[in-house]
Amino acid sequence: MQLPRSTLCTLVAVLLVVTAGCQGLPGSSAPPSDQQAVDAVTHAQEASRNATAYRVSIDGQVRIRDDSRSESIEITGDGVVNTNGQRMNVTLGAEGDTVVGLRDTRRAYVDGYTLTTECSRLGWARYNLTESTPWFNYTPLGQQLTLLDRTNVYWNGTNIVNGSETAVVTAYPTEDQLQANQNLPTGNIGTQGSATLDNATVRVWIDTETHRVQKVQREIHVRGEGATGVATITFRFTDYNEPTTITRPSFEDAGTEWSGGCPNT
């Protein structure tokens, strides 16, 4: 028996945008931050804001199940960011199994405080971003670090990533904190209904010598309409301060420009 389409739409939408738009539990008390973790995050924020450019790769999986069966969706993506020039290109793709029948790839381009993005239907949209928000906060790395500003953080020792020693810091953001961290508008995913956040875990690996973020993993658990879902998404950050060339994609080939943003966003 296939999972109901309404259930899939609800949980897939919530998980693909990492709980943006879900009905969540209110914030709860948590143990105070570890000072060692706070220091590591502070150093990472300083190092990241001094970076002129970087690249990011994204991969992960969304899994949805009820009592009778499960579905899965693979997430891939990559991006390049020039913080000096305030330009960014990001491509994200999602592909489900034959039952879900999902295959979607979207591009986004940021030039200063203007975002151009593909919608889920044929077409594209422009958004004016809020200029009172620091531009860095709109980037993939900025999104991770600003979330850590809103949460308590905990020290989990060290680990080796790509031959370098990294400090491992963990956070457990609430739904409100995740919602507040969604700075960029997203295209229409077509969700209806509601879902509830059960829990979220964010792990960050920070180079102990350069203080640059090497990797971030988000694990999000939600439930709704008789099913549960979990998304595990990993961001890998490389090529800090390397020369970058960022050009605007040809969105006009995608179809209609939607005024006021993607429909049903």
Protein backbone atom coordinates (compact mmCIF):
# COMPACT_ATOMS: atom_id res chain seq x y z
CA MET A 1 0.00 0.00 0.00
CA GLN A 2 1.40 3.38 -1.02
CA LEU A 3 1.66 6.23 1.48
CA PRO A 4 -1.18 8.74 0.94
CA ARG A 5 -0.18 11.54 -1.42
CA SER A 6 -1.24 14.21 1.08
CA THR A 7 1.06 12.67 3.69
CA LEU A 8 3.97 12.62 1.26
CA CYS A 9 3.39 16.22 0.20
CA THR A 10 3.27 17.42 3.78
CA LEU A 11 6.31 15.58 5.10
CA VAL A 12 8.46 15.96 1.99
CA ALA A 13 7.83 19.69 1.89
CA VAL A 14 8.63 20.15 5.54
CA LEU A 15 11.81 18.10 5.40
CA LEU A 16 13.14 19.51 2.14
CA VAL A 17 13.14 23.03 3.52
CA VAL A 18 14.38 21.75 6.89
CA THR A 19 11.15 22.41 8.82
CA ALA A 20 10.25 25.78 7.27
CA GLY A 21 6.47 26.09 7.54
CA CYS A 22 5.80 23.25 9.93
CA GLN A 23 3.66 23.36 13.02
CA GLY A 24 6.20 22.75 15.76
CA LEU A 25 6.58 22.40 19.46
CA PRO A 26 7.43 25.55 21.42
CA GLY A 27 10.92 26.11 22.72
CA SER A 28 11.91 24.13 25.81
CA SER A 29 14.57 24.55 28.46
CA ALA A 30 17.98 23.05 27.77
CA PRO A 31 21.25 22.73 29.69
CA PRO A 32 23.55 25.76 29.40
CA SER A 33 26.16 25.82 26.65
CA ASP A 34 29.63 24.36 27.16
CA GLN A 35 32.18 27.18 27.20
CA GLN A 36 34.57 25.16 25.05
CA ALA A 37 31.87 24.81 22.40
CA VAL A 38 31.00 28.52 22.63
CA ASP A 39 34.67 29.41 22.08
CA ALA A 40 34.92 27.10 19.06
CA VAL A 41 31.82 28.64 17.47
CA THR A 42 33.05 32.18 18.16
CA HIS A 43 36.37 31.44 16.43
CA ALA A 44 34.51 29.83 13.51
CA GLN A 45 32.29 32.89 13.07
CA GLU A 46 35.30 35.19 13.00
CA ALA A 47 37.18 32.99 10.49
CA SER A 48 34.13 32.54 8.26
CA ARG A 49 33.29 36.22 8.07
CA ASN A 50 36.87 36.92 6.99
CA ALA A 51 36.66 34.40 4.13
CA THR A 52 36.44 35.99 0.67
CA ALA A 53 34.91 32.94 -1.02
CA TYR A 54 34.13 29.24 -0.56
CA ARG A 55 32.36 26.27 -2.13
CA VAL A 56 29.73 24.01 -0.62
CA SER A 57 28.50 20.52 -1.53
CA ILE A 58 25.25 19.13 -0.16
CA ASP A 59 24.02 15.56 0.11
CA GLY A 60 21.46 13.76 2.16
CA GLN A 61 18.35 11.65 2.36
CA VAL A 62 14.74 12.10 3.39
CA ARG A 63 13.01 8.97 4.70
CA ILE A 64 9.26 8.75 5.27
CA ARG A 65 7.40 5.77 6.72
CA ASP A 66 4.10 4.62 8.15
CA ASP A 67 2.96 1.23 9.44
CA SER A 68 2.99 -0.42 6.02
CA ARG A 69 5.87 0.96 3.95
CA SER A 70 8.59 3.59 3.58
CA GLU A 71 9.69 6.07 0.91
CA SER A 72 13.03 7.80 0.39
CA ILE A 73 14.32 10.86 -1.41
CA GLU A 74 17.96 11.62 -2.21
CA ILE A 75 19.17 15.21 -1.89
CA THR A 76 22.18 16.61 -3.78
CA GLY A 77 23.50 20.09 -4.31
CA ASP A 78 26.46 22.37 -4.77
CA GLY A 79 27.19 26.05 -4.60
CA VAL A 80 29.84 28.71 -4.89
CA VAL A 81 29.88 31.89 -2.83
CA ASN A 82 31.88 35.11 -3.33
CA THR A 83 31.40 37.08 -0.13
CA ASN A 84 33.48 40.05 -1.31
CA GLY A 85 31.34 40.48 -4.43
CA GLN A 86 28.12 39.41 -2.67
CA ARG A 87 27.27 36.84 -5.32
CA MET A 88 26.18 33.24 -4.96
CA ASN A 89 25.08 30.33 -7.17
CA VAL A 90 23.41 27.26 -5.61
CA THR A 91 21.85 24.20 -7.30
CA LEU A 92 19.73 21.71 -5.34
CA GLY A 93 18.26 18.44 -6.58
CA ALA A 94 15.79 15.96 -5.08
CA GLU A 95 15.00 12.54 -6.55
CA GLY A 96 12.57 10.00 -5.11
CA ASP A 97 12.09 6.31 -5.81
CA THR A 98 9.62 5.06 -8.41
CA VAL A 99 6.70 5.19 -5.97
CA VAL A 100 7.23 8.81 -5.01
CA GLY A 101 8.02 9.72 -8.60
CA LEU A 102 9.85 12.89 -7.59
CA ARG A 103 12.65 14.47 -9.61
CA ASP A 104 13.31 18.15 -9.13
CA THR A 105 16.34 20.39 -9.65
CA ARG A 106 16.37 24.07 -8.82
CA ARG A 107 18.90 26.83 -9.25
CA ALA A 108 19.21 29.99 -7.20
CA TYR A 109 21.34 33.06 -7.87
CA VAL A 110 21.98 35.89 -5.44
CA ASP A 111 23.47 39.20 -6.57
CA GLY A 112 23.65 41.62 -3.69
CA TYR A 113 20.20 41.69 -2.13
CA THR A 114 18.36 40.27 -5.16
CA LEU A 115 17.52 36.56 -5.28
CA THR A 116 16.50 34.86 -8.55
CA THR A 117 15.24 31.29 -8.14
CA GLU A 118 13.46 28.58 -10.07
CA CYS A 119 9.96 27.60 -8.96
CA SER A 120 8.64 24.04 -8.81
CA ARG A 121 6.43 24.80 -11.81
CA LEU A 122 7.96 26.05 -15.04
CA GLY A 123 9.06 29.52 -14.23
CA TRP A 124 11.24 31.61 -11.99
CA ALA A 125 10.91 34.47 -9.55
CA ARG A 126 12.83 37.42 -8.20
CA TYR A 127 12.84 38.45 -4.56
CA ASN A 128 14.21 41.53 -2.86
CA LEU A 129 16.07 40.38 0.25
CA THR A 130 15.98 42.34 3.48
CA GLU A 131 18.99 44.64 3.52
CA SER A 132 18.97 44.96 7.29
CA THR A 133 20.14 41.32 7.41
CA PRO A 134 23.93 40.93 6.94
CA TRP A 135 24.53 39.51 3.45
CA PHE A 136 26.70 36.71 4.84
CA ASN A 137 23.69 35.34 6.72
CA TYR A 138 21.99 34.49 3.41
CA THR A 139 24.81 32.12 2.38
CA PRO A 140 24.89 28.40 3.23
CA LEU A 141 27.70 28.88 5.74
CA GLY A 142 26.08 31.96 7.23
CA GLN A 143 22.84 29.99 7.70
CA GLN A 144 24.65 27.37 9.78
CA LEU A 145 26.51 29.87 11.96
CA THR A 146 23.53 32.13 12.62
CA LEU A 147 21.56 29.08 13.78
CA LEU A 148 24.31 28.36 16.32
CA ASP A 149 23.88 31.94 17.57
CA ARG A 150 20.28 31.07 18.51
CA THR A 151 20.93 27.75 20.26
CA ASN A 152 22.87 26.32 23.14
CA VAL A 153 25.97 24.48 21.93
CA TYR A 154 27.81 21.48 23.39
CA TRP A 155 31.34 20.14 23.06
CA ASN A 156 31.71 16.61 21.61
CA GLY A 157 35.48 16.27 21.46
CA THR A 158 37.56 16.20 18.29
CA ASN A 159 37.56 14.20 15.06
CA ILE A 160 39.61 14.00 11.87
CA VAL A 161 38.00 15.40 8.71
CA ASN A 162 39.99 15.32 5.45
CA GLY A 163 43.22 14.82 7.36
CA SER A 164 42.68 17.78 9.73
CA GLU A 165 41.73 17.78 13.39
CA THR A 166 38.29 19.31 13.94
CA ALA A 167 36.33 20.31 17.01
CA VAL A 168 32.87 18.72 17.06
CA VAL A 169 30.06 20.95 18.35
CA THR A 170 26.42 19.81 18.71
CA ALA A 171 23.21 21.82 19.02
CA TYR A 172 19.55 20.85 19.44
CA PRO A 173 17.51 23.70 17.93
CA THR A 174 13.81 24.08 18.55
CA GLU A 175 11.25 24.60 15.78
CA ASP A 176 11.15 28.33 16.56
CA GLN A 177 14.92 28.59 16.19
CA LEU A 178 14.87 26.70 12.90
CA GLN A 179 12.05 28.88 11.61
CA ALA A 180 13.91 32.07 12.54
CA ASN A 181 16.92 30.84 10.58
CA GLN A 182 15.05 30.58 7.25
CA ASN A 183 16.26 33.79 5.60
CA LEU A 184 15.87 32.88 1.93
CA PRO A 185 12.43 32.47 0.31
CA THR A 186 11.83 29.00 -1.16
CA GLY A 187 9.91 27.98 -4.25
CA ASN A 188 6.55 26.22 -4.07
CA ILE A 189 6.77 22.62 -2.86
CA GLY A 190 3.01 22.06 -2.92
CA THR A 191 2.49 21.10 0.72
CA GLN A 192 -0.92 20.91 2.36
CA GLY A 193 -1.79 19.96 5.91
CA SER A 194 0.60 20.19 8.86
CA ALA A 195 3.51 18.39 10.44
CA THR A 196 5.07 18.50 13.88
CA LEU A 197 8.76 18.69 14.68
CA ASP A 198 9.83 15.91 17.06
CA ASN A 199 13.49 16.87 17.40
CA ALA A 200 16.45 18.32 15.54
CA THR A 201 20.21 17.82 15.91
CA VAL A 202 22.92 19.92 14.27
CA ARG A 203 26.58 18.81 14.32
CA VAL A 204 29.41 21.08 13.22
CA TRP A 205 33.02 20.13 12.53
CA ILE A 206 35.43 23.09 12.94
CA ASP A 207 39.12 22.95 11.98
CA THR A 208 41.07 23.43 15.22
CA GLU A 209 43.93 25.26 13.44
CA THR A 210 42.19 27.51 10.89
CA HIS A 211 38.83 27.63 12.77
CA ARG A 212 37.04 27.16 9.45
CA VAL A 213 33.87 25.09 9.31
CA GLN A 214 34.58 21.87 7.43
CA LYS A 215 31.24 20.08 7.69
CA VAL A 216 27.73 20.52 9.09
CA GLN A 217 25.09 17.80 9.47
CA ARG A 218 21.42 18.47 10.22
CA GLU A 219 19.10 15.67 11.32
CA ILE A 220 15.41 16.60 11.49
CA HIS A 221 12.59 14.34 12.73
CA VAL A 222 8.94 15.21 11.99
CA ARG A 223 5.57 13.44 12.10
CA GLY A 224 2.11 14.05 10.68
CA GLU A 225 -0.97 12.35 9.24
CA GLY A 226 -0.01 8.90 10.54
CA ALA A 227 3.55 8.92 9.20
CA THR A 228 7.01 9.95 10.38
CA GLY A 229 9.90 11.48 8.48
CA VAL A 230 13.59 12.11 9.02
CA ALA A 231 15.96 14.21 6.93
CA THR A 232 19.73 13.91 7.26
CA ILE A 233 21.47 16.64 5.27
CA THR A 234 25.26 17.19 5.18
CA PHE A 235 27.01 20.38 4.05
CA ARG A 236 30.73 20.26 3.21
CA PHE A 237 32.67 23.52 2.91
CA THR A 238 35.86 23.71 0.83
CA ASP A 239 38.06 26.00 -1.29
CA TYR A 240 38.10 28.87 1.15
CA ASN A 241 39.49 32.10 -0.39
CA GLU A 242 40.03 30.46 -3.81
CA PRO A 243 39.33 32.60 -6.90
CA THR A 244 35.70 32.29 -8.00
CA THR A 245 33.72 33.28 -11.09
CA ILE A 246 29.97 33.50 -10.56
CA THR A 247 27.62 34.22 -13.45
CA ARG A 248 23.85 34.50 -13.58
CA PRO A 249 22.10 31.35 -14.93
CA SER A 250 19.77 31.74 -17.91
CA PHE A 251 16.52 31.55 -15.95
CA GLU A 252 14.55 32.92 -18.89
CA ASP A 253 14.77 29.47 -20.49
CA ALA A 254 12.76 28.08 -17.56
CA GLY A 255 9.51 29.82 -18.55
CA THR A 256 7.34 32.44 -16.86
CA GLU A 257 8.61 35.05 -14.46
CA TRP A 258 6.22 35.01 -11.50
CA SER A 259 5.52 38.42 -10.06
CA GLY A 260 5.66 38.60 -6.28
CA GLY A 261 7.51 35.30 -5.94
CA CYS A 262 6.79 31.65 -6.72
CA PRO A 263 3.09 30.73 -6.51
CA ASN A 264 1.86 29.05 -3.32
CA THR A 265 5.20 29.61 -1.60
